Every structure is written in structure tokens, then in C-alpha cells.
Amino acid sequence: MMVPMVGWAITGVVFFIKPGYAGAYEILNPKTYPLESDYSISMDDLWEEVRVIKSILGVHVLARSNGDYWNLNPGTLEPSEIPDKQRLKLLFEDAVSRNSARYGAIERIENLTAYTSTGIEVELNWDRLTFNQQGFDRKIIDSLYRIHYLQWTPWSAVNQLMGFVGLLLLMALMVFGVRIYFSGRGAVNNSCD
């Protein structure tokens, strides 16, 4: 019972103070630029949301419907093709330029993931035109989260069982502590008489 309690207390302090959270969970967005002309896109009945933005690569029509997302060509409203590595590098560099201390320089790109000189991996979701970044700091915080919530194995059923047993043991410890406290008070009161 001592190991989960110590782990819970230490990770609880980290979650309370939140050191390094700002960088680890920073939301990285593409840098946007003013549109040079008015884009009037008719809302298709199937689309729930349509946004028009301009990145360093040009104008994008971002549409959403039934949980699906599309990055559309503004001229044809057909899905835009994923750019080549040189153009992807421009998009990544433009996005990370807001916080060069964290991201450094883009060293290489594999598929839709950029690897930076500071060890940060930046993944691009082309259809949403969003980024997800993860560094060593985030991996540590995620590990502390798994320790705190007794997610110690790769099997969710085992983790849930451990959590349930841990809560039962914690409740039993509390009940025994209360009984000892009140039985001790009775002994002190009897000795005073």
C-alpha cells in the first residue's frame, strides 16, 4: 500500500505545481496571414463548418462534416494534396518560429512529422491543418500521470482492477485509522478518570 501512496503523493505535488506544463502542452498552430481577397464559399448542406485561412503555403478551405475534416483547394473545392517535403518544411518552420527556444530548427521530416534540433516531434494533421507537438518533458508528465492513476500495465482491465483494489485498501486504511484514533481517545479519557 505504501508504494502507490508515495507515488500518488509525489505525482500529486507535480500536478499541483505543474512545472513545465506550458511548454509540454503548448498548442502549436500554423501561422496565418491576412486574406488578400474576399472568399465567398457556399456552404454545402453536408458541411457543418467551413473556414478559410491563409498559411505560408497559400489559401486553405478547411471543412468539417460528420466528424470528417478536409483541407480543400479554394479554386476547385477538391481535397488539397499533401505538399512535398520542401513546402512542408516551410509550413513547419513558420509554425515553430513563434517559440524558437523550445523548437529550435527543423532537422528532418518523415511523412507528416518534423523532428527538431531540440528533440521535439511535431506532427501535422493535413486535413485539419493542425499540429501536435511532443518532447521529452511531455513524455515524463504523461508517465507521471500513468503512475498517479495506477496505469502501470499495458492492459486496461488490470489497471482498473489495480485502481479498484487500491481504493479499497485506502478506504480500509482510513477506517482502521479512525478506529485507532477513537480507541486511543477512549484510553486517554479512561486514564484521566
N, C-alpha and C. Protein backbone atom coordinates (compact mmCIF):
# COMPACT_ATOMS: atom_id res chain seq x y z
N MET A 1 0.83 -1.19 0.00
CA MET A 1 0.00 0.00 0.00
C MET A 1 0.87 1.25 0.00
N MET A 2 2.09 1.11 0.52
CA MET A 2 2.97 2.27 0.64
C MET A 2 3.43 2.79 -0.72
N VAL A 3 3.74 1.88 -1.66
CA VAL A 3 4.25 2.30 -2.97
C VAL A 3 3.24 3.17 -3.72
N PRO A 4 1.95 2.75 -3.85
CA PRO A 4 1.01 3.63 -4.54
C PRO A 4 0.78 4.95 -3.81
N MET A 5 0.81 4.92 -2.47
CA MET A 5 0.60 6.16 -1.70
C MET A 5 1.74 7.16 -1.94
N VAL A 6 2.97 6.67 -1.92
CA VAL A 6 4.11 7.56 -2.16
C VAL A 6 4.07 8.07 -3.60
N GLY A 7 3.78 7.17 -4.55
CA GLY A 7 3.67 7.58 -5.95
C GLY A 7 2.57 8.60 -6.14
N TRP A 8 1.43 8.38 -5.50
CA TRP A 8 0.30 9.30 -5.62
C TRP A 8 0.65 10.66 -5.02
N ALA A 9 1.32 10.67 -3.86
CA ALA A 9 1.67 11.94 -3.22
C ALA A 9 2.67 12.74 -4.05
N ILE A 10 3.71 12.09 -4.55
CA ILE A 10 4.73 12.79 -5.33
C ILE A 10 4.14 13.32 -6.63
N THR A 11 3.40 12.47 -7.35
CA THR A 11 2.81 12.93 -8.60
C THR A 11 1.74 13.98 -8.36
N GLY A 12 1.03 13.89 -7.22
CA GLY A 12 0.04 14.91 -6.88
C GLY A 12 0.68 16.28 -6.71
N VAL A 13 1.85 16.32 -6.10
CA VAL A 13 2.57 17.60 -5.94
C VAL A 13 2.95 18.15 -7.32
N VAL A 14 3.42 17.28 -8.20
CA VAL A 14 3.79 17.72 -9.56
C VAL A 14 2.57 18.27 -10.28
N PHE A 15 1.43 17.58 -10.17
CA PHE A 15 0.21 18.04 -10.84
C PHE A 15 -0.31 19.34 -10.24
N PHE A 16 -0.04 19.56 -8.96
CA PHE A 16 -0.48 20.80 -8.31
C PHE A 16 0.38 21.98 -8.75
N ILE A 17 1.70 21.77 -8.78
CA ILE A 17 2.63 22.86 -9.14
C ILE A 17 2.69 23.05 -10.66
N LYS A 18 2.58 21.97 -11.42
CA LYS A 18 2.61 21.96 -12.89
C LYS A 18 3.87 22.57 -13.49
N PRO A 19 5.04 22.09 -13.09
CA PRO A 19 6.25 22.62 -13.71
C PRO A 19 6.41 22.11 -15.14
N GLY A 20 6.68 23.00 -16.06
CA GLY A 20 6.94 22.62 -17.43
C GLY A 20 5.70 22.33 -18.27
N TYR A 21 4.52 22.49 -17.70
CA TYR A 21 3.30 22.19 -18.45
C TYR A 21 3.11 23.12 -19.65
N ALA A 22 3.45 24.38 -19.50
CA ALA A 22 3.21 25.36 -20.57
C ALA A 22 3.88 24.92 -21.86
N GLY A 23 5.12 24.52 -21.79
CA GLY A 23 5.82 24.08 -22.99
C GLY A 23 5.40 22.69 -23.44
N ALA A 24 5.24 21.79 -22.48
CA ALA A 24 4.93 20.41 -22.82
C ALA A 24 3.59 20.28 -23.54
N TYR A 25 2.63 21.10 -23.16
CA TYR A 25 1.30 21.01 -23.75
C TYR A 25 0.94 22.25 -24.56
N GLU A 26 1.96 22.95 -25.04
CA GLU A 26 1.71 24.13 -25.86
C GLU A 26 0.93 23.73 -27.11
N ILE A 27 -0.08 24.51 -27.42
CA ILE A 27 -0.85 24.28 -28.64
C ILE A 27 -0.15 25.03 -29.76
N LEU A 28 0.27 24.28 -30.74
CA LEU A 28 1.01 24.83 -31.87
C LEU A 28 0.08 24.92 -33.07
N ASN A 29 -0.12 26.13 -33.55
CA ASN A 29 -1.00 26.37 -34.69
C ASN A 29 -0.18 26.91 -35.85
N PRO A 30 -0.69 26.70 -37.06
CA PRO A 30 0.02 27.31 -38.20
C PRO A 30 -0.10 28.83 -38.12
N LYS A 31 0.96 29.50 -38.52
CA LYS A 31 0.90 30.96 -38.57
C LYS A 31 -0.03 31.34 -39.72
N THR A 32 -0.94 32.26 -39.45
CA THR A 32 -1.88 32.67 -40.50
C THR A 32 -1.59 34.10 -40.94
N TYR A 33 -2.01 34.38 -42.15
CA TYR A 33 -1.76 35.69 -42.76
C TYR A 33 -3.09 36.25 -43.24
N PRO A 34 -3.15 37.58 -43.44
CA PRO A 34 -4.40 38.18 -43.92
C PRO A 34 -4.76 37.69 -45.32
N LEU A 35 -6.04 37.47 -45.53
CA LEU A 35 -6.52 37.11 -46.86
C LEU A 35 -6.51 38.36 -47.73
N GLU A 36 -6.05 38.20 -48.96
CA GLU A 36 -5.92 39.35 -49.84
C GLU A 36 -7.20 39.67 -50.60
N SER A 37 -8.12 38.73 -50.67
CA SER A 37 -9.38 38.99 -51.34
C SER A 37 -10.50 38.30 -50.56
N ASP A 38 -11.72 38.66 -50.88
CA ASP A 38 -12.88 38.09 -50.20
C ASP A 38 -13.19 36.72 -50.80
N TYR A 39 -13.21 35.72 -49.97
CA TYR A 39 -13.54 34.37 -50.43
C TYR A 39 -14.94 34.05 -49.96
N SER A 40 -15.84 33.93 -50.90
CA SER A 40 -17.20 33.54 -50.54
C SER A 40 -17.38 32.09 -50.97
N ILE A 41 -17.39 31.22 -49.98
CA ILE A 41 -17.55 29.79 -50.21
C ILE A 41 -18.97 29.43 -49.81
N SER A 42 -19.71 28.83 -50.73
CA SER A 42 -21.08 28.45 -50.37
C SER A 42 -21.02 27.22 -49.47
N MET A 43 -21.84 27.25 -48.45
CA MET A 43 -21.89 26.14 -47.50
C MET A 43 -22.68 25.00 -48.12
N ASP A 44 -22.01 23.93 -48.39
CA ASP A 44 -22.66 22.73 -48.86
C ASP A 44 -23.53 22.20 -47.71
N ASP A 45 -24.65 21.59 -48.04
CA ASP A 45 -25.53 21.06 -47.00
C ASP A 45 -24.83 20.02 -46.13
N LEU A 46 -23.79 19.39 -46.67
CA LEU A 46 -23.09 18.35 -45.92
C LEU A 46 -22.08 18.92 -44.95
N TRP A 47 -21.68 20.16 -45.12
CA TRP A 47 -20.64 20.74 -44.27
C TRP A 47 -21.25 21.37 -43.03
N GLU A 48 -20.65 21.08 -41.89
CA GLU A 48 -21.08 21.68 -40.63
C GLU A 48 -20.27 22.93 -40.32
N GLU A 49 -19.06 22.98 -40.87
CA GLU A 49 -18.18 24.12 -40.60
C GLU A 49 -17.26 24.31 -41.80
N VAL A 50 -17.04 25.56 -42.16
CA VAL A 50 -16.10 25.89 -43.22
C VAL A 50 -15.31 27.11 -42.77
N ARG A 51 -13.97 27.03 -42.86
CA ARG A 51 -13.10 28.15 -42.54
C ARG A 51 -12.14 28.37 -43.69
N VAL A 52 -11.84 29.61 -43.95
CA VAL A 52 -10.87 29.96 -44.98
C VAL A 52 -9.71 30.66 -44.28
N ILE A 53 -8.51 30.10 -44.43
CA ILE A 53 -7.33 30.70 -43.82
C ILE A 53 -6.21 30.74 -44.85
N LYS A 54 -5.22 31.56 -44.55
CA LYS A 54 -4.04 31.64 -45.41
C LYS A 54 -2.82 31.32 -44.56
N SER A 55 -2.06 30.33 -45.00
CA SER A 55 -0.80 29.98 -44.35
C SER A 55 0.33 30.42 -45.28
N ILE A 56 1.54 30.09 -44.92
CA ILE A 56 2.69 30.41 -45.77
C ILE A 56 2.60 29.67 -47.11
N LEU A 57 1.80 28.58 -47.15
CA LEU A 57 1.64 27.81 -48.38
C LEU A 57 0.51 28.33 -49.27
N GLY A 58 -0.27 29.27 -48.76
CA GLY A 58 -1.38 29.80 -49.55
C GLY A 58 -2.70 29.68 -48.82
N VAL A 59 -3.78 29.75 -49.57
CA VAL A 59 -5.14 29.74 -49.01
C VAL A 59 -5.62 28.30 -48.87
N HIS A 60 -6.29 28.03 -47.74
CA HIS A 60 -6.85 26.70 -47.45
C HIS A 60 -8.32 26.88 -47.10
N VAL A 61 -9.14 26.01 -47.61
CA VAL A 61 -10.54 25.93 -47.18
C VAL A 61 -10.62 24.68 -46.31
N LEU A 62 -10.89 24.89 -45.02
CA LEU A 62 -10.96 23.78 -44.07
C LEU A 62 -12.43 23.50 -43.78
N ALA A 63 -12.88 22.30 -44.11
CA ALA A 63 -14.28 21.94 -43.95
C ALA A 63 -14.42 20.74 -43.03
N ARG A 64 -15.58 20.69 -42.35
CA ARG A 64 -15.87 19.57 -41.44
C ARG A 64 -17.30 19.11 -41.65
N SER A 65 -17.49 17.79 -41.63
CA SER A 65 -18.83 17.22 -41.74
C SER A 65 -18.82 15.81 -41.16
N ASN A 66 -19.75 15.54 -40.26
CA ASN A 66 -19.89 14.21 -39.65
C ASN A 66 -18.58 13.67 -39.09
N GLY A 67 -17.80 14.52 -38.46
CA GLY A 67 -16.55 14.09 -37.86
C GLY A 67 -15.38 13.98 -38.82
N ASP A 68 -15.61 14.19 -40.10
CA ASP A 68 -14.53 14.14 -41.09
C ASP A 68 -14.08 15.56 -41.42
N TYR A 69 -12.79 15.70 -41.68
CA TYR A 69 -12.20 17.00 -41.99
C TYR A 69 -11.54 16.96 -43.35
N TRP A 70 -11.56 18.10 -44.03
CA TRP A 70 -10.91 18.20 -45.34
C TRP A 70 -10.17 19.52 -45.43
N ASN A 71 -9.01 19.46 -46.06
CA ASN A 71 -8.25 20.65 -46.44
C ASN A 71 -8.46 20.77 -47.95
N LEU A 72 -9.30 21.73 -48.35
CA LEU A 72 -9.73 21.81 -49.74
C LEU A 72 -9.00 22.90 -50.50
N ASN A 73 -8.84 22.67 -51.78
CA ASN A 73 -8.30 23.67 -52.69
C ASN A 73 -9.36 24.75 -52.88
N PRO A 74 -9.04 26.04 -52.65
CA PRO A 74 -10.07 27.08 -52.73
C PRO A 74 -10.65 27.28 -54.13
N GLY A 75 -9.92 26.91 -55.17
CA GLY A 75 -10.41 27.09 -56.53
C GLY A 75 -11.36 26.00 -56.97
N THR A 76 -11.06 24.75 -56.57
CA THR A 76 -11.85 23.61 -57.04
C THR A 76 -12.71 22.99 -55.96
N LEU A 77 -12.42 23.29 -54.70
CA LEU A 77 -13.07 22.66 -53.53
C LEU A 77 -12.88 21.14 -53.53
N GLU A 78 -11.82 20.70 -54.17
CA GLU A 78 -11.39 19.31 -54.10
C GLU A 78 -10.33 19.20 -53.02
N PRO A 79 -10.15 18.02 -52.42
CA PRO A 79 -9.12 17.88 -51.39
C PRO A 79 -7.73 18.27 -51.90
N SER A 80 -7.05 19.09 -51.12
CA SER A 80 -5.69 19.52 -51.47
C SER A 80 -4.73 18.38 -51.25
N GLU A 81 -3.78 18.25 -52.16
CA GLU A 81 -2.75 17.23 -52.00
C GLU A 81 -1.74 17.67 -50.95
N ILE A 82 -1.17 16.70 -50.27
CA ILE A 82 -0.14 16.99 -49.28
C ILE A 82 1.08 17.53 -50.02
N PRO A 83 1.62 18.66 -49.56
CA PRO A 83 2.77 19.26 -50.25
C PRO A 83 4.02 18.38 -50.17
N ASP A 84 4.99 18.69 -51.03
CA ASP A 84 6.27 17.99 -50.98
C ASP A 84 7.04 18.42 -49.72
N LYS A 85 8.16 17.73 -49.48
CA LYS A 85 8.93 17.98 -48.24
C LYS A 85 9.41 19.42 -48.11
N GLN A 86 9.81 20.04 -49.20
CA GLN A 86 10.30 21.42 -49.12
C GLN A 86 9.20 22.37 -48.65
N ARG A 87 8.00 22.20 -49.21
CA ARG A 87 6.89 23.06 -48.81
C ARG A 87 6.41 22.72 -47.39
N LEU A 88 6.43 21.43 -47.04
CA LEU A 88 6.09 21.05 -45.67
C LEU A 88 7.07 21.69 -44.68
N LYS A 89 8.35 21.69 -45.04
CA LYS A 89 9.35 22.29 -44.17
C LYS A 89 9.05 23.78 -43.96
N LEU A 90 8.63 24.47 -45.00
CA LEU A 90 8.24 25.89 -44.85
C LEU A 90 7.11 26.04 -43.84
N LEU A 91 6.11 25.16 -43.93
CA LEU A 91 4.96 25.23 -43.03
C LEU A 91 5.38 24.96 -41.59
N PHE A 92 6.20 23.92 -41.38
CA PHE A 92 6.70 23.59 -40.05
C PHE A 92 7.55 24.74 -39.49
N GLU A 93 8.48 25.24 -40.29
CA GLU A 93 9.37 26.31 -39.82
C GLU A 93 8.58 27.56 -39.45
N ASP A 94 7.56 27.87 -40.24
CA ASP A 94 6.74 29.04 -39.95
C ASP A 94 5.99 28.87 -38.63
N ALA A 95 5.48 27.67 -38.38
CA ALA A 95 4.73 27.42 -37.14
C ALA A 95 5.63 27.45 -35.91
N VAL A 96 6.81 26.84 -35.98
CA VAL A 96 7.67 26.76 -34.80
C VAL A 96 8.46 28.05 -34.56
N SER A 97 8.43 28.97 -35.52
CA SER A 97 9.21 30.20 -35.37
C SER A 97 8.71 31.08 -34.22
N ARG A 98 7.52 30.86 -33.76
CA ARG A 98 6.97 31.63 -32.62
C ARG A 98 7.66 31.30 -31.32
N ASN A 99 8.25 30.11 -31.22
CA ASN A 99 8.89 29.68 -29.98
C ASN A 99 10.18 28.93 -30.33
N SER A 100 11.14 29.65 -30.87
CA SER A 100 12.37 29.00 -31.32
C SER A 100 13.19 28.44 -30.16
N ALA A 101 13.01 28.96 -28.95
CA ALA A 101 13.74 28.42 -27.80
C ALA A 101 13.30 26.98 -27.53
N ARG A 102 12.04 26.67 -27.71
CA ARG A 102 11.55 25.31 -27.47
C ARG A 102 11.84 24.40 -28.66
N TYR A 103 11.60 24.89 -29.86
CA TYR A 103 11.64 24.02 -31.03
C TYR A 103 12.97 24.01 -31.77
N GLY A 104 13.73 25.07 -31.70
CA GLY A 104 14.99 25.11 -32.45
C GLY A 104 14.72 25.10 -33.94
N ALA A 105 15.51 24.34 -34.66
CA ALA A 105 15.38 24.27 -36.13
C ALA A 105 14.83 22.91 -36.53
N ILE A 106 14.18 22.88 -37.68
CA ILE A 106 13.68 21.61 -38.23
C ILE A 106 14.87 20.87 -38.83
N GLU A 107 15.15 19.69 -38.32
CA GLU A 107 16.28 18.90 -38.82
C GLU A 107 15.89 17.96 -39.95
N ARG A 108 14.75 17.30 -39.81
CA ARG A 108 14.30 16.39 -40.86
C ARG A 108 12.78 16.22 -40.79
N ILE A 109 12.23 15.76 -41.90
CA ILE A 109 10.79 15.49 -41.98
C ILE A 109 10.60 14.09 -42.52
N GLU A 110 9.79 13.31 -41.80
CA GLU A 110 9.42 11.97 -42.25
C GLU A 110 7.91 11.91 -42.26
N ASN A 111 7.35 11.61 -43.42
CA ASN A 111 5.90 11.62 -43.62
C ASN A 111 5.37 13.00 -43.22
N LEU A 112 4.53 13.08 -42.21
CA LEU A 112 3.99 14.37 -41.78
C LEU A 112 4.50 14.74 -40.39
N THR A 113 5.68 14.25 -40.02
CA THR A 113 6.28 14.55 -38.72
C THR A 113 7.63 15.23 -38.92
N ALA A 114 7.80 16.36 -38.24
CA ALA A 114 9.08 17.08 -38.27
C ALA A 114 9.81 16.81 -36.97
N TYR A 115 11.11 16.64 -37.07
CA TYR A 115 11.97 16.42 -35.90
C TYR A 115 12.87 17.64 -35.76
N THR A 116 12.87 18.23 -34.56
CA THR A 116 13.61 19.47 -34.36
C THR A 116 14.95 19.23 -33.68
N SER A 117 15.78 20.25 -33.70
CA SER A 117 17.10 20.18 -33.09
C SER A 117 17.04 20.09 -31.57
N THR A 118 15.89 20.41 -30.97
CA THR A 118 15.75 20.34 -29.51
C THR A 118 15.06 19.05 -29.07
N GLY A 119 14.84 18.12 -30.00
CA GLY A 119 14.26 16.83 -29.64
C GLY A 119 12.74 16.81 -29.62
N ILE A 120 12.11 17.82 -30.16
CA ILE A 120 10.65 17.87 -30.20
C ILE A 120 10.16 17.27 -31.51
N GLU A 121 9.13 16.44 -31.44
CA GLU A 121 8.49 15.90 -32.63
C GLU A 121 7.21 16.69 -32.87
N VAL A 122 7.05 17.20 -34.08
CA VAL A 122 5.87 17.98 -34.44
C VAL A 122 5.15 17.24 -35.56
N GLU A 123 3.94 16.81 -35.27
CA GLU A 123 3.16 16.05 -36.25
C GLU A 123 2.07 16.93 -36.84
N LEU A 124 1.92 16.88 -38.15
CA LEU A 124 0.93 17.68 -38.86
C LEU A 124 -0.27 16.83 -39.23
N ASN A 125 -1.47 17.34 -38.93
CA ASN A 125 -2.70 16.75 -39.45
C ASN A 125 -3.09 17.63 -40.63
N TRP A 126 -2.84 17.17 -41.85
CA TRP A 126 -3.03 18.00 -43.03
C TRP A 126 -4.50 18.37 -43.25
N ASP A 127 -5.41 17.43 -43.01
CA ASP A 127 -6.82 17.71 -43.25
C ASP A 127 -7.37 18.78 -42.30
N ARG A 128 -6.88 18.82 -41.08
CA ARG A 128 -7.32 19.84 -40.12
C ARG A 128 -6.41 21.06 -40.13
N LEU A 129 -5.23 20.92 -40.69
CA LEU A 129 -4.17 21.92 -40.66
C LEU A 129 -3.85 22.30 -39.21
N THR A 130 -3.59 21.26 -38.41
CA THR A 130 -3.23 21.43 -37.01
C THR A 130 -1.95 20.65 -36.73
N PHE A 131 -1.28 21.02 -35.64
CA PHE A 131 -0.04 20.38 -35.24
C PHE A 131 -0.21 19.76 -33.85
N ASN A 132 0.52 18.69 -33.61
CA ASN A 132 0.63 18.09 -32.28
C ASN A 132 2.12 17.96 -32.00
N GLN A 133 2.57 18.58 -30.91
CA GLN A 133 4.00 18.54 -30.59
C GLN A 133 4.22 17.76 -29.31
N GLN A 134 5.34 17.04 -29.27
CA GLN A 134 5.67 16.25 -28.09
C GLN A 134 7.17 16.18 -27.93
N GLY A 135 7.61 16.49 -26.71
CA GLY A 135 9.01 16.40 -26.38
C GLY A 135 9.22 15.50 -25.18
N PHE A 136 10.44 15.45 -24.70
CA PHE A 136 10.78 14.62 -23.55
C PHE A 136 10.00 15.04 -22.32
N ASP A 137 9.78 16.35 -22.14
CA ASP A 137 9.04 16.84 -20.98
C ASP A 137 7.61 16.30 -20.94
N ARG A 138 6.97 16.25 -22.08
CA ARG A 138 5.60 15.74 -22.14
C ARG A 138 5.57 14.24 -21.86
N LYS A 139 6.58 13.52 -22.34
CA LYS A 139 6.64 12.07 -22.08
C LYS A 139 6.78 11.81 -20.58
N ILE A 140 7.57 12.63 -19.89
CA ILE A 140 7.73 12.48 -18.44
C ILE A 140 6.40 12.76 -17.73
N ILE A 141 5.74 13.86 -18.09
CA ILE A 141 4.48 14.21 -17.45
C ILE A 141 3.43 13.13 -17.71
N ASP A 142 3.38 12.60 -18.93
CA ASP A 142 2.44 11.52 -19.23
C ASP A 142 2.75 10.27 -18.41
N SER A 143 4.03 9.98 -18.18
CA SER A 143 4.41 8.84 -17.34
C SER A 143 3.98 9.06 -15.91
N LEU A 144 4.14 10.29 -15.41
CA LEU A 144 3.70 10.60 -14.05
C LEU A 144 2.18 10.45 -13.92
N TYR A 145 1.46 10.82 -14.97
CA TYR A 145 0.01 10.66 -14.99
C TYR A 145 -0.35 9.18 -14.84
N ARG A 146 0.34 8.31 -15.60
CA ARG A 146 0.05 6.88 -15.52
C ARG A 146 0.39 6.32 -14.14
N ILE A 147 1.45 6.83 -13.52
CA ILE A 147 1.78 6.40 -12.16
C ILE A 147 0.69 6.85 -11.19
N HIS A 148 0.27 8.09 -11.31
CA HIS A 148 -0.73 8.67 -10.39
C HIS A 148 -2.04 7.91 -10.45
N TYR A 149 -2.45 7.52 -11.64
CA TYR A 149 -3.74 6.84 -11.81
C TYR A 149 -3.60 5.32 -11.92
N LEU A 150 -2.49 4.79 -11.39
CA LEU A 150 -2.24 3.35 -11.31
C LEU A 150 -2.39 2.65 -12.66
N GLN A 151 -1.95 3.31 -13.70
CA GLN A 151 -1.94 2.70 -15.04
C GLN A 151 -0.54 2.14 -15.28
N TRP A 152 -0.22 1.09 -14.56
CA TRP A 152 1.14 0.57 -14.54
C TRP A 152 1.37 -0.53 -15.56
N THR A 153 0.34 -1.04 -16.15
CA THR A 153 0.49 -2.12 -17.13
C THR A 153 -0.12 -1.69 -18.46
N PRO A 154 0.18 -2.40 -19.54
CA PRO A 154 -0.44 -2.05 -20.84
C PRO A 154 -1.88 -2.56 -20.97
N TRP A 155 -2.39 -3.26 -19.97
CA TRP A 155 -3.73 -3.83 -20.03
C TRP A 155 -4.70 -3.01 -19.19
N SER A 156 -5.70 -2.42 -19.82
CA SER A 156 -6.62 -1.54 -19.10
C SER A 156 -7.41 -2.28 -18.03
N ALA A 157 -7.78 -3.54 -18.27
CA ALA A 157 -8.55 -4.30 -17.26
C ALA A 157 -7.71 -4.48 -15.99
N VAL A 158 -6.44 -4.79 -16.15
CA VAL A 158 -5.55 -4.96 -14.99
C VAL A 158 -5.39 -3.62 -14.26
N ASN A 159 -5.23 -2.54 -15.03
CA ASN A 159 -5.10 -1.21 -14.41
C ASN A 159 -6.35 -0.84 -13.63
N GLN A 160 -7.53 -1.14 -14.18
CA GLN A 160 -8.77 -0.83 -13.46
C GLN A 160 -8.88 -1.66 -12.20
N LEU A 161 -8.50 -2.93 -12.27
CA LEU A 161 -8.52 -3.78 -11.09
C LEU A 161 -7.57 -3.24 -10.03
N MET A 162 -6.36 -2.84 -10.45
CA MET A 162 -5.39 -2.26 -9.50
C MET A 162 -5.96 -0.99 -8.86
N GLY A 163 -6.60 -0.15 -9.65
CA GLY A 163 -7.20 1.07 -9.11
C GLY A 163 -8.29 0.76 -8.11
N PHE A 164 -9.14 -0.22 -8.43
CA PHE A 164 -10.22 -0.59 -7.53
C PHE A 164 -9.67 -1.17 -6.23
N VAL A 165 -8.71 -2.07 -6.33
CA VAL A 165 -8.09 -2.65 -5.13
C VAL A 165 -7.38 -1.57 -4.32
N GLY A 166 -6.69 -0.66 -5.01
CA GLY A 166 -6.03 0.44 -4.32
C GLY A 166 -7.00 1.32 -3.55
N LEU A 167 -8.15 1.63 -4.15
CA LEU A 167 -9.16 2.43 -3.45
C LEU A 167 -9.74 1.67 -2.26
N LEU A 168 -9.97 0.36 -2.41
CA LEU A 168 -10.46 -0.44 -1.29
C LEU A 168 -9.46 -0.44 -0.14
N LEU A 169 -8.18 -0.63 -0.47
CA LEU A 169 -7.15 -0.62 0.58
C LEU A 169 -7.05 0.75 1.24
N LEU A 170 -7.19 1.80 0.46
CA LEU A 170 -7.16 3.16 1.02
C LEU A 170 -8.34 3.37 1.97
N MET A 171 -9.52 2.90 1.58
CA MET A 171 -10.70 3.01 2.45
C MET A 171 -10.49 2.20 3.74
N ALA A 172 -9.92 0.99 3.60
CA ALA A 172 -9.67 0.16 4.78
C ALA A 172 -8.67 0.85 5.70
N LEU A 173 -7.64 1.45 5.13
CA LEU A 173 -6.65 2.18 5.92
C LEU A 173 -7.30 3.34 6.66
N MET A 174 -8.22 4.03 6.00
CA MET A 174 -8.91 5.15 6.64
C MET A 174 -9.79 4.65 7.79
N VAL A 175 -10.53 3.56 7.56
CA VAL A 175 -11.40 3.01 8.62
C VAL A 175 -10.56 2.58 9.82
N PHE A 176 -9.46 1.88 9.58
CA PHE A 176 -8.60 1.45 10.69
C PHE A 176 -8.00 2.66 11.41
N GLY A 177 -7.62 3.67 10.67
CA GLY A 177 -7.07 4.89 11.29
C GLY A 177 -8.08 5.57 12.18
N VAL A 178 -9.32 5.67 11.73
CA VAL A 178 -10.38 6.29 12.54
C VAL A 178 -10.65 5.45 13.78
N ARG A 179 -10.69 4.12 13.63
CA ARG A 179 -10.91 3.24 14.80
C ARG A 179 -9.78 3.38 15.82
N ILE A 180 -8.54 3.42 15.34
CA ILE A 180 -7.41 3.58 16.25
C ILE A 180 -7.48 4.93 16.96
N TYR A 181 -7.84 5.97 16.21
CA TYR A 181 -7.94 7.31 16.81
C TYR A 181 -8.97 7.32 17.93
N PHE A 182 -10.16 6.79 17.67
CA PHE A 182 -11.20 6.84 18.69
C PHE A 182 -10.94 5.86 19.83
N SER A 183 -10.33 4.72 19.57
CA SER A 183 -9.99 3.79 20.65
C SER A 183 -8.88 4.38 21.51
N GLY A 184 -7.98 5.11 20.91
CA GLY A 184 -6.93 5.79 21.67
C GLY A 184 -7.48 6.91 22.54
N ARG A 185 -8.47 7.63 22.04
CA ARG A 185 -9.10 8.72 22.81
C ARG A 185 -9.80 8.16 24.04
N GLY A 186 -10.46 7.00 23.86
CA GLY A 186 -11.14 6.36 24.97
C GLY A 186 -10.16 5.95 26.04
N ALA A 187 -8.99 5.43 25.62
CA ALA A 187 -7.97 5.02 26.58
C ALA A 187 -7.42 6.22 27.33
N VAL A 188 -7.26 7.36 26.63
CA VAL A 188 -6.76 8.57 27.28
C VAL A 188 -7.80 9.10 28.26
N ASN A 189 -9.08 9.10 27.89
CA ASN A 189 -10.14 9.57 28.78
C ASN A 189 -10.27 8.68 30.02
N ASN A 190 -10.12 7.36 29.83
CA ASN A 190 -10.20 6.45 30.99
C ASN A 190 -9.04 6.64 31.93
N SER A 191 -7.85 6.96 31.41
CA SER A 191 -6.69 7.14 32.27
C SER A 191 -6.77 8.45 33.06
N CYS A 192 -7.54 9.41 32.55
CA CYS A 192 -7.69 10.68 33.25
C CYS A 192 -8.67 10.56 34.40
N ASP A 193 -9.56 9.58 34.35
CA ASP A 193 -10.56 9.43 35.40
C ASP A 193 -9.96 8.89 36.62
